[in-house]
Amino acid sequence: MIEQLTAFFRESYAELQKVTWLSRKEVMGSTLVIIVLIGILSVFVALIDMFFVKLVSWII
């Protein structure tokens, strides 16, 4: 059991060494894009929500 666990961690560490990590600049750029898209989507959803509230108020 201990040998299997040790082998698992050794192999996991070896796989992590193969990973190509993003640079700080790439991470910051991607984060900015995500924040902007979330903002745009939030405004869109809010406008749709206000439209349906007005529509339901007009119907009732």
N, C-alpha and C. Protein backbone atom coordinates (compact mmCIF):
# COMPACT_ATOMS: atom_id res chain seq x y z
N MET A 1 0.83 -1.20 0.00
CA MET A 1 0.00 0.00 0.00
C MET A 1 0.87 1.26 0.00
N ILE A 2 1.88 1.29 0.85
CA ILE A 2 2.77 2.45 0.92
C ILE A 2 3.55 2.59 -0.39
N GLU A 3 3.96 1.46 -0.96
CA GLU A 3 4.71 1.51 -2.22
C GLU A 3 3.84 2.08 -3.34
N GLN A 4 2.57 1.68 -3.37
CA GLN A 4 1.65 2.18 -4.40
C GLN A 4 1.41 3.68 -4.23
N LEU A 5 1.26 4.11 -3.00
CA LEU A 5 1.05 5.53 -2.73
C LEU A 5 2.28 6.35 -3.11
N THR A 6 3.45 5.83 -2.77
CA THR A 6 4.70 6.51 -3.13
C THR A 6 4.84 6.58 -4.65
N ALA A 7 4.54 5.49 -5.33
CA ALA A 7 4.62 5.47 -6.80
C ALA A 7 3.64 6.45 -7.40
N PHE A 8 2.45 6.53 -6.84
CA PHE A 8 1.44 7.47 -7.34
C PHE A 8 1.95 8.91 -7.25
N PHE A 9 2.50 9.28 -6.08
CA PHE A 9 2.99 10.65 -5.92
C PHE A 9 4.21 10.92 -6.80
N ARG A 10 5.06 9.94 -6.97
CA ARG A 10 6.23 10.10 -7.82
C ARG A 10 5.79 10.32 -9.27
N GLU A 11 4.84 9.52 -9.73
CA GLU A 11 4.34 9.66 -11.10
C GLU A 11 3.57 10.96 -11.29
N SER A 12 2.82 11.36 -10.28
CA SER A 12 2.08 12.63 -10.36
C SER A 12 3.05 13.79 -10.47
N TYR A 13 4.12 13.76 -9.69
CA TYR A 13 5.13 14.82 -9.74
C TYR A 13 5.79 14.86 -11.12
N ALA A 14 6.08 13.69 -11.67
CA ALA A 14 6.70 13.62 -13.00
C ALA A 14 5.76 14.21 -14.05
N GLU A 15 4.48 13.93 -13.95
CA GLU A 15 3.51 14.49 -14.91
C GLU A 15 3.40 16.00 -14.77
N LEU A 16 3.44 16.49 -13.54
CA LEU A 16 3.36 17.94 -13.33
C LEU A 16 4.57 18.66 -13.91
N GLN A 17 5.70 17.98 -13.98
CA GLN A 17 6.88 18.59 -14.58
C GLN A 17 6.72 18.77 -16.09
N LYS A 18 5.84 17.99 -16.70
CA LYS A 18 5.61 18.07 -18.14
C LYS A 18 4.61 19.17 -18.52
N VAL A 19 3.90 19.69 -17.55
CA VAL A 19 2.86 20.69 -17.82
C VAL A 19 3.50 22.00 -18.26
N THR A 20 2.92 22.60 -19.28
CA THR A 20 3.35 23.93 -19.72
C THR A 20 2.45 24.95 -19.04
N TRP A 21 3.01 25.65 -18.06
CA TRP A 21 2.24 26.61 -17.29
C TRP A 21 2.20 27.94 -18.02
N LEU A 22 1.08 28.64 -17.90
CA LEU A 22 0.94 29.96 -18.52
C LEU A 22 1.81 30.97 -17.80
N SER A 23 2.23 31.99 -18.54
CA SER A 23 3.00 33.06 -17.91
C SER A 23 2.03 33.98 -17.15
N ARG A 24 2.59 34.80 -16.28
CA ARG A 24 1.77 35.73 -15.51
C ARG A 24 0.99 36.66 -16.44
N LYS A 25 1.65 37.11 -17.52
CA LYS A 25 1.01 38.01 -18.47
C LYS A 25 -0.19 37.33 -19.14
N GLU A 26 -0.04 36.07 -19.52
CA GLU A 26 -1.13 35.33 -20.15
C GLU A 26 -2.29 35.13 -19.18
N VAL A 27 -1.98 34.83 -17.93
CA VAL A 27 -3.03 34.63 -16.93
C VAL A 27 -3.78 35.93 -16.69
N MET A 28 -3.06 37.04 -16.58
CA MET A 28 -3.71 38.33 -16.34
C MET A 28 -4.58 38.72 -17.53
N GLY A 29 -4.11 38.47 -18.75
CA GLY A 29 -4.90 38.77 -19.94
C GLY A 29 -6.17 37.95 -20.00
N SER A 30 -6.05 36.66 -19.72
CA SER A 30 -7.23 35.79 -19.73
C SER A 30 -8.22 36.19 -18.64
N THR A 31 -7.70 36.55 -17.48
CA THR A 31 -8.55 36.97 -16.37
C THR A 31 -9.32 38.24 -16.74
N LEU A 32 -8.64 39.18 -17.38
CA LEU A 32 -9.30 40.42 -17.80
C LEU A 32 -10.41 40.13 -18.80
N VAL A 33 -10.15 39.26 -19.75
CA VAL A 33 -11.17 38.91 -20.75
C VAL A 33 -12.38 38.30 -20.06
N ILE A 34 -12.16 37.41 -19.12
CA ILE A 34 -13.26 36.76 -18.41
C ILE A 34 -14.07 37.78 -17.61
N ILE A 35 -13.39 38.69 -16.91
CA ILE A 35 -14.10 39.70 -16.12
C ILE A 35 -14.95 40.59 -17.03
N VAL A 36 -14.41 41.01 -18.17
CA VAL A 36 -15.16 41.85 -19.10
C VAL A 36 -16.37 41.09 -19.65
N LEU A 37 -16.18 39.84 -20.03
CA LEU A 37 -17.30 39.05 -20.56
C LEU A 37 -18.38 38.82 -19.51
N ILE A 38 -17.98 38.60 -18.27
CA ILE A 38 -18.96 38.44 -17.19
C ILE A 38 -19.75 39.73 -17.01
N GLY A 39 -19.07 40.88 -17.08
CA GLY A 39 -19.75 42.16 -16.97
C GLY A 39 -20.77 42.36 -18.09
N ILE A 40 -20.36 42.08 -19.31
CA ILE A 40 -21.26 42.23 -20.46
C ILE A 40 -22.46 41.29 -20.33
N LEU A 41 -22.21 40.05 -19.97
CA LEU A 41 -23.29 39.08 -19.82
C LEU A 41 -24.23 39.49 -18.69
N SER A 42 -23.69 40.03 -17.61
CA SER A 42 -24.53 40.48 -16.49
C SER A 42 -25.46 41.60 -16.92
N VAL A 43 -24.95 42.56 -17.68
CA VAL A 43 -25.78 43.65 -18.18
C VAL A 43 -26.87 43.10 -19.11
N PHE A 44 -26.51 42.18 -19.98
CA PHE A 44 -27.47 41.57 -20.90
C PHE A 44 -28.58 40.87 -20.13
N VAL A 45 -28.22 40.06 -19.14
CA VAL A 45 -29.22 39.34 -18.35
C VAL A 45 -30.10 40.32 -17.57
N ALA A 46 -29.52 41.39 -17.03
CA ALA A 46 -30.30 42.40 -16.31
C ALA A 46 -31.31 43.07 -17.24
N LEU A 47 -30.89 43.39 -18.46
CA LEU A 47 -31.81 44.02 -19.41
C LEU A 47 -32.95 43.08 -19.79
N ILE A 48 -32.63 41.83 -20.03
CA ILE A 48 -33.68 40.85 -20.34
C ILE A 48 -34.64 40.71 -19.16
N ASP A 49 -34.10 40.68 -17.95
CA ASP A 49 -34.93 40.58 -16.75
C ASP A 49 -35.86 41.78 -16.62
N MET A 50 -35.32 42.99 -16.84
CA MET A 50 -36.16 44.19 -16.75
C MET A 50 -37.26 44.16 -17.82
N PHE A 51 -36.92 43.68 -19.02
CA PHE A 51 -37.90 43.58 -20.09
C PHE A 51 -39.06 42.67 -19.67
N PHE A 52 -38.73 41.51 -19.12
CA PHE A 52 -39.78 40.57 -18.72
C PHE A 52 -40.58 41.08 -17.53
N VAL A 53 -39.96 41.80 -16.62
CA VAL A 53 -40.70 42.40 -15.50
C VAL A 53 -41.71 43.41 -16.04
N LYS A 54 -41.28 44.26 -16.96
CA LYS A 54 -42.19 45.25 -17.57
C LYS A 54 -43.30 44.54 -18.36
N LEU A 55 -42.94 43.50 -19.08
CA LEU A 55 -43.93 42.76 -19.86
C LEU A 55 -44.98 42.13 -18.96
N VAL A 56 -44.56 41.50 -17.89
CA VAL A 56 -45.51 40.87 -16.97
C VAL A 56 -46.35 41.93 -16.28
N SER A 57 -45.75 43.06 -15.91
CA SER A 57 -46.52 44.14 -15.29
C SER A 57 -47.57 44.68 -16.26
N TRP A 58 -47.22 44.78 -17.52
CA TRP A 58 -48.15 45.29 -18.52
C TRP A 58 -49.29 44.29 -18.74
N ILE A 59 -48.98 43.00 -18.72
CA ILE A 59 -50.00 41.97 -18.92
C ILE A 59 -50.95 41.92 -17.73
N ILE A 60 -50.43 42.02 -16.54
CA ILE A 60 -51.26 41.93 -15.33
C ILE A 60 -51.87 43.28 -15.11
